[in-house]
Amino acid sequence: MNLEEYKGVYVFAQQVDNEISSIAFELLGKAKDLAKDLSTDVTAVLIGSGIKGLADQLAEYGADKVIVVDDPELKDYRTEPYAHALASVINQYKPEIMLVGATAIGRDLGPRVSARVATGLTADCTVLEIGDFPLQAVPGQEQLHNQLLMTRPAFGGNTIATIACPYNRPQMATVRAGVMQKIDPIKGAKAVVEEYNPGFIPDNKYVEILDIVKAVTETVDIMDAKILVSGGRGVGSPENFKILEELAEVLGGTVSCSRAVVDSGWKPKDLQVGQTGKTVRPNVYFAIGISGAIQHVAGMEESDIIVAINKDADAPIFDVADYGVVGDLNKIVPKLTAALKAEIEAAK
């Protein structure tokens, strides 16, 4: 493999029902940073059917070029045709870096594509940067520069691993939703659009979709919330979440929770924050009755302001909190709600 042939930072721009997923814009934001360090450009790979009109949206969020693979076989996501499409793009255009969102689709697609193009894949990354490998120079070993350093939680979140792929290309990673920042859209931006179709010959690996049933949920997406009131096992019971809901209502926020709450059956998985839940970046994050295990902190530590309420003064959550209150949440939260309500009423 001639590594010098591989150039550019590529992003798989996931779309569902001809609507680009938010993770694609987040990845483009990070791709711009990486491309700047490498003095190269950013390319989005858009796969689907009748999707060429989405290219300008990708340009607004940082894509210099959009490769469109448009074919009726790609109307709905299926593993085999999508893997063939993305692997063909990689073999044809030879990107140095290939980023995929760690969504349900990305987690299925990424490993299959990496195997087809004979490279490694680092899954569920939370940090991406350009640097040297090995990180520290080792006597007698060449230190390679301008490598993609991919950081992810390992061993249940108890340690952080930084991984490189120095001898194969592309350097591939799936990236968790919510951990990278979108850029402010560049209104009116236009990308160079190139259409590419490797050809699709359905075989016995092509799944036939008989019907698509979309789940209807009343749950608000906590990743979009500006204020989150999050509860842990310390809340005590599902009934006790009522006081958190009242606080969230006064603030115009949303209730979320820790994994322990989901495991206890108190709240649905969609509301879980943390390594095995969702990564959030609200303006204000209330951690109520949450001890602050590293797995939970990994999902909310980028919040602008963190307010912790816990009866245990030594709880790890206070290490990341901007403001902390030690005491009984059953007394503190209702008083906080009442005080905020009074302030809001007085301001009207």
Protein backbone atom coordinates (compact mmCIF):
# COMPACT_ATOMS: atom_id res chain seq x y z
CA MET A 1 0.00 0.00 0.00
CA ASN A 2 1.39 3.37 -1.07
CA LEU A 3 0.27 5.67 1.74
CA GLU A 4 1.22 8.76 -0.27
CA GLU A 5 -1.67 8.09 -2.68
CA TYR A 6 -4.24 8.70 0.06
CA LYS A 7 -5.34 12.32 0.49
CA GLY A 8 -8.21 14.21 2.08
CA VAL A 9 -10.62 13.88 4.99
CA TYR A 10 -13.85 12.11 4.03
CA VAL A 11 -17.12 11.95 5.94
CA PHE A 12 -19.95 9.48 5.39
CA ALA A 13 -22.93 11.87 5.27
CA GLN A 14 -25.70 9.67 6.63
CA GLN A 15 -29.18 10.47 5.37
CA VAL A 16 -32.48 8.80 6.18
CA ASP A 17 -35.62 9.48 4.14
CA ASN A 18 -33.67 12.13 2.20
CA GLU A 19 -32.91 14.08 5.36
CA ILE A 20 -29.29 14.45 6.43
CA SER A 21 -28.65 13.21 9.96
CA SER A 22 -27.23 15.67 12.48
CA ILE A 23 -24.16 13.48 13.03
CA ALA A 24 -23.04 14.23 9.45
CA PHE A 25 -22.84 17.96 10.21
CA GLU A 26 -20.97 17.26 13.46
CA LEU A 27 -18.41 15.12 11.62
CA LEU A 28 -17.93 17.79 8.96
CA GLY A 29 -17.09 20.28 11.72
CA LYS A 30 -14.36 18.00 13.06
CA ALA A 31 -13.21 17.14 9.54
CA LYS A 32 -12.56 20.85 8.90
CA ASP A 33 -10.21 20.94 11.90
CA LEU A 34 -8.37 17.80 10.83
CA ALA A 35 -8.11 18.96 7.21
CA LYS A 36 -6.65 22.29 8.33
CA ASP A 37 -3.89 20.48 10.24
CA LEU A 38 -3.14 18.34 7.19
CA SER A 39 -3.47 21.17 4.63
CA THR A 40 -6.08 19.23 2.69
CA ASP A 41 -9.79 19.44 1.96
CA VAL A 42 -13.04 17.88 3.21
CA THR A 43 -15.21 15.57 1.14
CA ALA A 44 -18.67 14.30 2.09
CA VAL A 45 -19.87 10.98 0.69
CA LEU A 46 -23.64 11.06 0.16
CA ILE A 47 -25.27 7.71 -0.54
CA GLY A 48 -28.94 7.14 -1.37
CA SER A 49 -31.57 7.54 -4.07
CA GLY A 50 -32.68 10.94 -5.35
CA ILE A 51 -30.38 12.71 -2.92
CA LYS A 52 -28.25 15.00 -5.11
CA GLY A 53 -30.25 18.02 -3.94
CA LEU A 54 -28.87 17.59 -0.40
CA ALA A 55 -25.30 18.43 -1.44
CA ASP A 56 -25.54 22.16 -0.76
CA GLN A 57 -26.52 21.51 2.87
CA LEU A 58 -23.27 19.63 3.29
CA ALA A 59 -21.38 22.53 1.73
CA GLU A 60 -22.92 24.92 4.25
CA TYR A 61 -21.50 22.79 7.07
CA GLY A 62 -17.99 22.50 5.71
CA ALA A 63 -17.79 20.11 2.76
CA ASP A 64 -15.52 21.32 -0.03
CA LYS A 65 -16.63 18.47 -2.26
CA VAL A 66 -19.55 16.04 -2.27
CA ILE A 67 -19.35 12.62 -3.90
CA VAL A 68 -22.89 11.46 -4.66
CA VAL A 69 -23.67 7.76 -5.09
CA ASP A 70 -27.27 7.73 -6.31
CA ASP A 71 -29.03 4.52 -7.22
CA PRO A 72 -32.53 3.01 -6.68
CA GLU A 73 -30.87 0.14 -4.78
CA LEU A 74 -29.81 2.69 -2.13
CA LYS A 75 -33.25 4.11 -1.38
CA ASP A 76 -33.38 2.50 2.09
CA TYR A 77 -30.38 1.45 4.14
CA ARG A 78 -29.32 -2.13 3.54
CA THR A 79 -25.93 -3.42 4.57
CA GLU A 80 -24.73 -4.98 1.30
CA PRO A 81 -25.41 -2.20 -1.23
CA TYR A 82 -24.30 0.57 1.14
CA ALA A 83 -21.08 -1.29 2.03
CA HIS A 84 -20.41 -1.81 -1.67
CA ALA A 85 -21.03 1.88 -2.36
CA LEU A 86 -18.77 3.28 0.37
CA ALA A 87 -15.99 0.72 -0.15
CA SER A 88 -16.03 1.50 -3.88
CA VAL A 89 -15.70 5.23 -3.18
CA ILE A 90 -12.72 4.57 -0.89
CA ASN A 91 -11.00 2.35 -3.45
CA GLN A 92 -11.62 4.89 -6.21
CA TYR A 93 -10.76 8.16 -4.44
CA LYS A 94 -8.32 6.97 -1.74
CA PRO A 95 -9.09 9.19 1.28
CA GLU A 96 -6.48 9.51 4.01
CA ILE A 97 -9.17 9.66 6.72
CA MET A 98 -12.72 8.26 6.64
CA LEU A 99 -15.17 9.26 9.39
CA VAL A 100 -18.50 7.53 10.04
CA GLY A 101 -21.09 8.36 12.68
CA ALA A 102 -21.50 5.77 15.44
CA THR A 103 -25.23 5.49 14.77
CA ALA A 104 -27.13 2.25 14.27
CA ILE A 105 -26.35 2.55 10.56
CA GLY A 106 -22.72 3.60 11.07
CA ARG A 107 -21.98 0.81 13.53
CA ASP A 108 -23.21 -1.70 10.97
CA LEU A 109 -21.58 -0.08 7.95
CA GLY A 110 -18.17 0.99 9.30
CA PRO A 111 -16.70 -2.40 10.25
CA ARG A 112 -17.85 -4.05 7.01
CA VAL A 113 -16.34 -1.31 4.87
CA SER A 114 -13.05 -1.31 6.80
CA ALA A 115 -12.73 -5.06 6.25
CA ARG A 116 -13.36 -4.69 2.52
CA VAL A 117 -10.70 -2.01 2.11
CA ALA A 118 -8.25 -3.82 4.42
CA THR A 119 -7.79 -1.18 7.08
CA GLY A 120 -8.46 -0.79 10.79
CA LEU A 121 -11.43 0.87 12.45
CA THR A 122 -11.54 2.58 15.84
CA ALA A 123 -15.09 2.50 17.15
CA ASP A 124 -17.02 4.99 19.29
CA CYS A 125 -14.38 7.72 19.32
CA THR A 126 -14.82 10.77 21.51
CA VAL A 127 -11.66 12.70 20.50
CA LEU A 128 -9.89 12.98 17.13
CA GLU A 129 -6.69 14.91 16.51
CA ILE A 130 -3.63 14.97 14.31
CA GLY A 131 -0.36 14.11 16.03
CA ASP A 132 2.68 11.86 16.26
CA PHE A 133 2.80 8.09 16.63
CA PRO A 134 4.13 6.79 18.96
CA LEU A 135 2.91 9.63 21.18
CA GLN A 136 6.33 9.75 22.81
CA ALA A 137 9.47 9.12 20.78
CA VAL A 138 10.93 5.63 21.33
CA PRO A 139 14.68 5.10 20.78
CA GLY A 140 15.29 3.03 17.68
CA GLN A 141 11.72 3.42 16.41
CA GLU A 142 10.63 5.93 13.78
CA GLN A 143 8.10 8.46 15.05
CA LEU A 144 5.50 9.08 12.35
CA HIS A 145 3.94 12.52 12.00
CA ASN A 146 0.50 13.74 10.89
CA GLN A 147 -1.27 10.60 12.08
CA LEU A 148 -4.93 10.49 13.09
CA LEU A 149 -5.00 9.86 16.83
CA MET A 150 -8.35 8.32 17.77
CA THR A 151 -9.36 8.36 21.42
CA ARG A 152 -12.14 6.26 22.90
CA PRO A 153 -13.20 4.95 26.33
CA ALA A 154 -12.05 1.38 27.00
CA PHE A 155 -12.63 -1.31 29.62
CA GLY A 156 -16.09 -0.08 30.50
CA GLY A 157 -14.98 3.53 30.57
CA ASN A 158 -12.37 2.92 33.27
CA THR A 159 -9.55 3.99 31.00
CA ILE A 160 -9.06 6.02 27.84
CA ALA A 161 -7.26 4.53 24.84
CA THR A 162 -5.61 6.51 22.05
CA ILE A 163 -5.30 4.44 18.88
CA ALA A 164 -3.50 5.06 15.59
CA CYS A 165 -3.50 3.26 12.25
CA PRO A 166 -0.05 4.21 10.92
CA TYR A 167 0.52 1.57 8.24
CA ASN A 168 -2.86 1.31 6.49
CA ARG A 169 -5.17 3.76 4.79
CA PRO A 170 -7.69 5.13 5.14
CA GLN A 171 -7.57 5.79 8.86
CA MET A 172 -11.16 4.99 9.82
CA ALA A 173 -13.19 5.88 12.89
CA THR A 174 -16.78 5.84 13.99
CA VAL A 175 -17.61 8.83 16.18
CA ARG A 176 -20.24 9.17 18.85
CA ALA A 177 -23.07 11.59 18.20
CA GLY A 178 -22.94 14.78 20.23
CA VAL A 179 -19.20 14.88 20.94
CA MET A 180 -18.13 16.96 17.93
CA GLN A 181 -19.24 20.51 17.21
CA LYS A 182 -20.99 21.63 14.05
CA ILE A 183 -19.68 24.81 12.50
CA ASP A 184 -21.98 27.79 12.05
CA PRO A 185 -23.57 27.20 8.63
CA ILE A 186 -22.08 29.14 5.74
CA LYS A 187 -25.21 30.40 4.01
CA GLY A 188 -25.17 30.04 0.25
CA ALA A 189 -22.07 27.82 0.19
CA LYS A 190 -21.79 25.52 -2.81
CA ALA A 191 -19.76 22.33 -2.98
CA VAL A 192 -18.14 20.73 -5.97
CA VAL A 193 -20.43 17.78 -6.71
CA GLU A 194 -19.15 14.64 -8.36
CA GLU A 195 -21.45 11.74 -9.18
CA TYR A 196 -20.04 8.25 -8.92
CA ASN A 197 -21.85 4.95 -9.29
CA PRO A 198 -19.91 1.68 -9.00
CA GLY A 199 -22.89 -0.33 -10.30
CA PHE A 200 -25.14 -2.57 -8.26
CA ILE A 201 -25.88 -6.20 -9.08
CA PRO A 202 -28.31 -7.60 -6.47
CA ASP A 203 -27.41 -11.06 -5.21
CA ASN A 204 -28.41 -13.33 -2.35
CA LYS A 205 -26.77 -10.95 0.13
CA TYR A 206 -29.23 -8.19 -0.73
CA VAL A 207 -31.95 -8.12 1.90
CA GLU A 208 -35.44 -7.55 0.60
CA ILE A 209 -37.32 -4.96 2.64
CA LEU A 210 -40.95 -5.99 2.93
CA ASP A 211 -42.15 -3.16 5.14
CA ILE A 212 -40.81 -0.31 7.26
CA VAL A 213 -42.59 0.34 10.54
CA LYS A 214 -41.57 3.58 12.23
CA ALA A 215 -41.79 3.69 16.01
CA VAL A 216 -43.75 6.60 17.42
CA THR A 217 -42.32 8.06 20.59
CA GLU A 218 -43.29 11.00 22.74
CA THR A 219 -39.78 11.22 24.19
CA VAL A 220 -37.93 14.48 23.52
CA ASP A 221 -34.42 14.06 22.10
CA ILE A 222 -32.23 15.02 25.05
CA MET A 223 -29.34 15.80 22.68
CA ASP A 224 -31.23 18.89 21.49
CA ALA A 225 -32.13 20.18 24.97
CA LYS A 226 -30.58 23.42 26.24
CA ILE A 227 -31.38 22.59 29.88
CA LEU A 228 -31.32 19.04 31.28
CA VAL A 229 -32.47 17.98 34.72
CA SER A 230 -30.90 14.56 35.13
CA GLY A 231 -31.63 12.08 37.90
CA GLY A 232 -29.76 9.05 39.17
CA ARG A 233 -30.39 6.17 41.53
CA GLY A 234 -30.22 8.63 44.41
CA VAL A 235 -33.61 10.03 43.40
CA GLY A 236 -34.96 6.95 45.15
CA SER A 237 -37.97 5.91 43.08
CA PRO A 238 -39.72 6.55 39.77
CA GLU A 239 -42.37 8.53 41.65
CA ASN A 240 -39.69 10.88 43.00
CA PHE A 241 -38.83 11.95 39.45
CA LYS A 242 -41.93 14.12 39.72
CA ILE A 243 -39.89 16.76 41.59
CA LEU A 244 -37.29 16.74 38.80
CA GLU A 245 -40.03 17.11 36.20
CA GLU A 246 -41.40 20.12 38.08
CA LEU A 247 -37.95 21.76 38.09
CA ALA A 248 -37.52 21.04 34.37
CA GLU A 249 -40.94 22.52 33.62
CA VAL A 250 -40.13 25.79 35.42
CA LEU A 251 -36.82 26.07 33.52
CA GLY A 252 -38.23 25.02 30.16
CA GLY A 253 -35.89 22.04 30.27
CA THR A 254 -36.04 18.28 29.78
CA VAL A 255 -35.62 15.39 32.20
CA SER A 256 -32.86 12.86 31.57
CA CYS A 257 -31.27 10.13 33.68
CA SER A 258 -28.34 7.83 34.40
CA ARG A 259 -27.93 4.21 33.37
CA ALA A 260 -28.90 2.99 36.85
CA VAL A 261 -32.32 4.58 36.40
CA VAL A 262 -32.83 2.88 33.03
CA ASP A 263 -31.62 -0.47 34.38
CA SER A 264 -34.16 -0.13 37.21
CA GLY A 265 -36.93 0.41 34.67
CA TRP A 266 -37.78 3.90 35.95
CA LYS A 267 -37.13 5.73 32.68
CA PRO A 268 -36.74 4.74 29.00
CA LYS A 269 -33.36 4.22 27.35
CA ASP A 270 -33.89 7.31 25.15
CA LEU A 271 -33.38 9.52 28.21
CA GLN A 272 -30.08 7.95 29.31
CA VAL A 273 -26.95 10.11 29.42
CA GLY A 274 -23.54 8.47 29.44
CA GLN A 275 -21.13 6.19 27.67
CA THR A 276 -23.82 3.63 26.86
CA GLY A 277 -26.49 6.32 26.44
CA LYS A 278 -26.33 9.69 24.72
CA THR A 279 -23.69 12.40 24.77
CA VAL A 280 -25.18 15.80 25.57
CA ARG A 281 -23.95 19.42 25.58
CA PRO A 282 -26.70 21.52 27.16
CA ASN A 283 -26.21 25.05 28.43
CA VAL A 284 -27.11 23.85 31.94
CA TYR A 285 -26.96 20.29 33.27
CA PHE A 286 -28.44 19.41 36.67
CA ALA A 287 -27.00 16.16 38.06
CA ILE A 288 -29.38 15.20 40.87
CA GLY A 289 -28.76 12.07 42.90
CA ILE A 290 -26.03 11.05 40.45
CA SER A 291 -22.76 9.82 41.94
CA GLY A 292 -20.67 10.74 38.89
CA ALA A 293 -19.29 7.44 37.61
CA ILE A 294 -16.85 7.95 34.73
CA GLN A 295 -19.29 6.30 32.32
CA HIS A 296 -21.91 8.96 33.07
CA VAL A 297 -19.47 11.87 33.14
CA ALA A 298 -18.23 10.90 29.65
CA GLY A 299 -21.68 11.75 28.34
CA MET A 300 -22.16 15.19 29.93
CA GLU A 301 -18.84 16.73 30.91
CA GLU A 302 -18.92 19.14 27.94
CA SER A 303 -22.05 20.87 29.29
CA ASP A 304 -21.58 24.64 29.68
CA ILE A 305 -22.65 24.68 33.35
CA ILE A 306 -22.98 21.63 35.60
CA VAL A 307 -24.96 21.83 38.84
CA ALA A 308 -24.70 18.82 41.18
CA ILE A 309 -27.02 18.00 44.08
CA ASN A 310 -26.01 15.00 46.18
CA LYS A 311 -26.06 14.06 49.85
CA ASP A 312 -22.58 12.51 49.58
CA ALA A 313 -20.00 15.29 49.82
CA ASP A 314 -17.35 12.95 48.39
CA ALA A 315 -19.36 11.98 45.29
CA PRO A 316 -17.17 12.17 42.13
CA ILE A 317 -19.79 14.32 40.40
CA PHE A 318 -18.56 17.31 42.42
CA ASP A 319 -15.17 17.02 40.68
CA VAL A 320 -16.73 18.07 37.37
CA ALA A 321 -19.51 20.33 38.69
CA ASP A 322 -19.35 24.11 38.42
CA TYR A 323 -21.78 24.42 41.34
CA GLY A 324 -22.46 21.81 44.00
CA VAL A 325 -25.02 21.47 46.76
CA VAL A 326 -24.57 18.81 49.46
CA GLY A 327 -27.85 17.74 50.98
CA ASP A 328 -31.18 15.94 50.67
CA LEU A 329 -32.48 16.40 47.12
CA ASN A 330 -36.04 15.89 48.38
CA LYS A 331 -35.71 19.16 50.30
CA ILE A 332 -33.37 21.09 48.01
CA VAL A 333 -35.03 20.53 44.62
CA PRO A 334 -38.57 21.64 45.63
CA LYS A 335 -37.12 24.76 47.29
CA LEU A 336 -35.06 25.51 44.17
CA THR A 337 -38.14 25.03 41.99
CA ALA A 338 -40.22 27.34 44.17
CA ALA A 339 -37.53 30.03 44.24
CA LEU A 340 -37.09 29.92 40.46
CA LYS A 341 -40.84 30.06 39.94
CA ALA A 342 -41.07 33.11 42.20
CA GLU A 343 -38.23 34.83 40.33
CA ILE A 344 -39.86 34.16 36.96
CA GLU A 345 -43.23 35.45 38.18
CA ALA A 346 -41.63 38.57 39.61
CA ALA A 347 -39.87 39.28 36.34
CA LYS A 348 -43.11 39.24 34.34
